[in-house]
Amino acid sequence: MATDLVCKIDKHFVNVTDPRVDRGTNYDLVEMIFIALTATMCGAQGWVDIERFAMAKFEWFERFIPLEKGVASHDTLGRVFARLDTAEFLTAMHGRVDEFTNCLRGQGVAIDGKVVRGSHDAAAGQSPLHLMTAFATQTRLCLRQMSVDGKSNEIPAVLVLLQLIELAGATMTMIARWRRPRRFWIARPTIY
């Protein structure tokens, strides 16, 4: 039973290319990813936090992964993750999150748009970054996030976001200003 959790992560992250040469692979990449994802979901906000979390929960992690050489240092974690192919990792993460969304029946998913403060550059004429996010409210997990053109309407972005994730049976909530009497709401009910 315990290895099922790692097998699910392994299934999605097995195609992520390990950037290290053979002589520098003291720690298994999937083990490092499993530790980093688990620690991050538990509130770790950096490589030092991830290392501390792994050391504090070492016996718990050993139930799922071998950890033959112990836990990688925060420096090693940072170096390896910095060299990972971002597209491969993002594809693997999306696969993992998509598998997770099957468990959202009857739970809330909040769709919200935000402007990232401090992301504009007036001198260069760059507008701030506008993000659209689908957030599982009970598990506090971001399911998908995408950038939106600041001058466009957010409703088309919601349609694109909903096409990226499967929300069968989940209750979706959005900001009230979007609830305009348009075809969008007739075509897309709020409960899937």
Protein backbone atom coordinates (compact mmCIF):
# COMPACT_ATOMS: atom_id res chain seq x y z
CA MET A 1 0.00 0.00 0.00
CA ALA A 2 2.71 2.47 0.97
CA THR A 3 4.52 2.11 -2.33
CA ASP A 4 1.33 2.94 -4.29
CA LEU A 5 1.86 6.61 -3.48
CA VAL A 6 5.41 6.57 -4.85
CA CYS A 7 4.33 4.48 -7.85
CA LYS A 8 1.80 7.15 -8.77
CA ILE A 9 4.47 9.84 -8.58
CA ASP A 10 6.97 7.61 -10.39
CA LYS A 11 4.45 7.00 -13.18
CA HIS A 12 4.31 10.72 -13.97
CA PHE A 13 7.90 11.77 -13.28
CA VAL A 14 9.73 8.81 -14.85
CA ASN A 15 10.04 10.75 -18.13
CA VAL A 16 11.74 13.74 -16.50
CA THR A 17 15.35 13.66 -17.68
CA ASP A 18 17.93 13.52 -14.92
CA PRO A 19 20.41 16.33 -15.71
CA ARG A 20 23.25 14.79 -13.70
CA VAL A 21 26.09 12.69 -15.09
CA ASP A 22 26.27 9.08 -13.91
CA ARG A 23 29.05 9.71 -11.40
CA GLY A 24 26.98 12.44 -9.67
CA THR A 25 23.77 10.55 -9.03
CA ASN A 26 24.03 9.79 -5.32
CA TYR A 27 20.32 10.35 -4.81
CA ASP A 28 17.49 8.99 -6.95
CA LEU A 29 15.70 11.76 -8.89
CA VAL A 30 12.19 10.40 -8.24
CA GLU A 31 12.99 10.18 -4.51
CA MET A 32 14.11 13.80 -4.55
CA ILE A 33 10.96 14.85 -6.40
CA PHE A 34 8.77 12.88 -3.97
CA ILE A 35 10.45 14.54 -0.98
CA ALA A 36 10.24 18.02 -2.53
CA LEU A 37 6.56 17.70 -3.47
CA THR A 38 5.60 16.27 -0.09
CA ALA A 39 7.51 18.94 1.83
CA THR A 40 6.11 21.73 -0.34
CA MET A 41 2.55 20.51 0.18
CA CYS A 42 3.26 20.55 3.92
CA GLY A 43 4.41 24.18 3.85
CA ALA A 44 8.12 24.11 2.98
CA GLN A 45 9.08 27.29 1.17
CA GLY A 46 12.66 26.66 0.11
CA TRP A 47 15.38 24.05 -0.22
CA VAL A 48 16.48 24.40 3.41
CA ASP A 49 12.88 23.85 4.56
CA ILE A 50 12.61 20.78 2.32
CA GLU A 51 15.82 19.30 3.73
CA ARG A 52 14.71 19.98 7.32
CA PHE A 53 11.30 18.47 6.67
CA ALA A 54 12.84 15.34 5.13
CA MET A 55 15.22 14.92 8.06
CA ALA A 56 12.42 15.40 10.59
CA LYS A 57 10.17 12.90 8.76
CA PHE A 58 12.95 10.52 7.75
CA GLU A 59 11.29 7.42 9.24
CA TRP A 60 8.00 8.29 7.55
CA PHE A 61 9.72 8.71 4.17
CA GLU A 62 11.49 5.35 4.61
CA ARG A 63 8.07 3.66 4.54
CA PHE A 64 7.69 4.85 0.93
CA ILE A 65 11.18 5.21 -0.54
CA PRO A 66 14.49 3.44 0.23
CA LEU A 67 16.64 6.53 1.02
CA GLU A 68 19.72 4.30 0.84
CA LYS A 69 22.08 7.29 0.96
CA GLY A 70 19.94 9.43 3.22
CA VAL A 71 18.42 12.80 2.32
CA ALA A 72 20.00 15.10 -0.24
CA SER A 73 21.29 18.41 1.11
CA HIS A 74 19.49 21.64 0.33
CA ASP A 75 22.37 22.58 -1.99
CA THR A 76 22.02 19.33 -3.95
CA LEU A 77 18.24 19.71 -4.17
CA GLY A 78 18.61 23.27 -5.46
CA ARG A 79 21.25 22.36 -8.04
CA VAL A 80 19.33 19.38 -9.41
CA PHE A 81 15.97 21.13 -9.59
CA ALA A 82 17.56 24.19 -11.23
CA ARG A 83 18.90 21.98 -14.04
CA LEU A 84 15.68 20.02 -14.68
CA ASP A 85 13.95 20.54 -18.01
CA THR A 86 11.08 22.85 -17.06
CA ALA A 87 8.76 21.64 -19.83
CA GLU A 88 9.23 17.97 -18.87
CA PHE A 89 8.68 18.73 -15.19
CA LEU A 90 5.58 20.82 -15.94
CA THR A 91 4.14 18.05 -18.12
CA ALA A 92 4.74 15.52 -15.33
CA MET A 93 3.20 17.87 -12.74
CA HIS A 94 0.13 18.38 -14.92
CA GLY A 95 -0.25 14.61 -15.25
CA ARG A 96 -0.06 14.22 -11.47
CA VAL A 97 -2.55 17.02 -10.85
CA ASP A 98 -4.90 15.67 -13.52
CA GLU A 99 -4.92 12.32 -11.74
CA PHE A 100 -5.66 14.13 -8.48
CA THR A 101 -8.63 16.02 -9.95
CA ASN A 102 -10.54 12.72 -10.20
CA CYS A 103 -10.87 12.90 -6.40
CA LEU A 104 -12.61 16.30 -6.39
CA ARG A 105 -16.21 15.07 -6.70
CA GLY A 106 -18.36 17.17 -4.37
CA GLN A 107 -15.49 19.49 -3.43
CA GLY A 108 -15.01 23.15 -4.23
CA VAL A 109 -12.76 24.56 -6.94
CA ALA A 110 -12.27 28.32 -6.95
CA ILE A 111 -11.48 30.05 -10.24
CA ASP A 112 -9.93 33.45 -9.72
CA GLY A 113 -7.91 36.03 -11.58
CA LYS A 114 -5.19 38.09 -9.93
CA VAL A 115 -2.61 40.68 -10.89
CA VAL A 116 0.88 39.94 -9.55
CA ARG A 117 2.04 43.00 -7.64
CA GLY A 118 5.35 44.46 -8.68
CA SER A 119 5.42 42.56 -11.96
CA HIS A 120 5.05 45.61 -14.21
CA ASP A 121 7.81 47.74 -15.66
CA ALA A 122 6.53 51.21 -16.51
CA ALA A 123 9.87 52.26 -18.03
CA ALA A 124 9.80 49.36 -20.49
CA GLY A 125 6.05 49.69 -21.09
CA GLN A 126 5.43 46.22 -19.67
CA SER A 127 2.04 45.71 -18.04
CA PRO A 128 1.70 43.63 -14.87
CA LEU A 129 1.30 39.84 -15.03
CA HIS A 130 -2.34 38.72 -14.91
CA LEU A 131 -2.90 35.13 -13.73
CA MET A 132 -5.95 32.89 -13.81
CA THR A 133 -5.92 30.12 -11.20
CA ALA A 134 -8.00 27.01 -10.49
CA PHE A 135 -7.61 26.19 -6.79
CA ALA A 136 -8.96 23.13 -4.91
CA THR A 137 -10.32 24.75 -1.76
CA GLN A 138 -10.37 21.78 0.62
CA THR A 139 -6.95 20.40 -0.24
CA ARG A 140 -5.44 23.87 -0.83
CA LEU A 141 -3.80 22.76 -4.06
CA CYS A 142 -3.38 24.88 -7.16
CA LEU A 143 -4.68 22.72 -10.01
CA ARG A 144 -3.73 25.00 -12.91
CA GLN A 145 -2.47 28.52 -13.40
CA MET A 146 -2.12 30.43 -16.64
CA SER A 147 -1.27 33.95 -17.68
CA VAL A 148 -3.94 36.13 -19.22
CA ASP A 149 -3.62 39.18 -21.44
CA GLY A 150 -4.29 42.15 -19.15
CA LYS A 151 -6.46 43.92 -21.73
CA SER A 152 -8.67 40.93 -22.50
CA ASN A 153 -11.80 39.72 -20.83
CA GLU A 154 -11.21 36.94 -18.29
CA ILE A 155 -14.17 34.84 -19.42
CA PRO A 156 -12.40 33.36 -22.49
CA ALA A 157 -9.45 32.51 -20.22
CA VAL A 158 -11.81 30.61 -17.91
CA LEU A 159 -12.98 28.53 -20.86
CA VAL A 160 -9.39 27.67 -21.75
CA LEU A 161 -8.58 26.87 -18.11
CA LEU A 162 -11.61 24.57 -17.84
CA GLN A 163 -10.51 22.70 -20.97
CA LEU A 164 -7.13 21.99 -19.35
CA ILE A 165 -8.52 20.22 -16.27
CA GLU A 166 -11.24 17.65 -15.67
CA LEU A 167 -13.61 18.83 -12.93
CA ALA A 168 -16.28 16.11 -13.07
CA GLY A 169 -18.48 16.41 -9.99
CA ALA A 170 -16.65 19.38 -8.48
CA THR A 171 -18.45 22.57 -7.47
CA MET A 172 -16.86 25.53 -9.19
CA THR A 173 -17.00 29.06 -7.78
CA MET A 174 -15.99 32.31 -9.43
CA ILE A 175 -16.00 36.00 -8.65
CA ALA A 176 -19.49 37.54 -8.83
CA ARG A 177 -18.57 40.15 -11.47
CA TRP A 178 -18.22 37.34 -14.01
CA ARG A 179 -21.82 36.27 -13.61
CA ARG A 180 -23.14 38.18 -16.55
CA PRO A 181 -26.22 36.90 -18.35
CA ARG A 182 -24.34 35.59 -21.38
CA ARG A 183 -24.12 32.36 -23.31
CA PHE A 184 -21.07 31.34 -21.27
CA TRP A 185 -23.21 30.47 -18.26
CA ILE A 186 -25.82 28.68 -20.31
CA ALA A 187 -23.17 26.55 -21.98
CA ARG A 188 -21.16 25.95 -18.79
CA PRO A 189 -23.06 25.23 -15.57
CA THR A 190 -21.13 25.79 -12.33
CA ILE A 191 -21.43 22.18 -11.17
CA TYR A 192 -19.70 19.59 -13.34
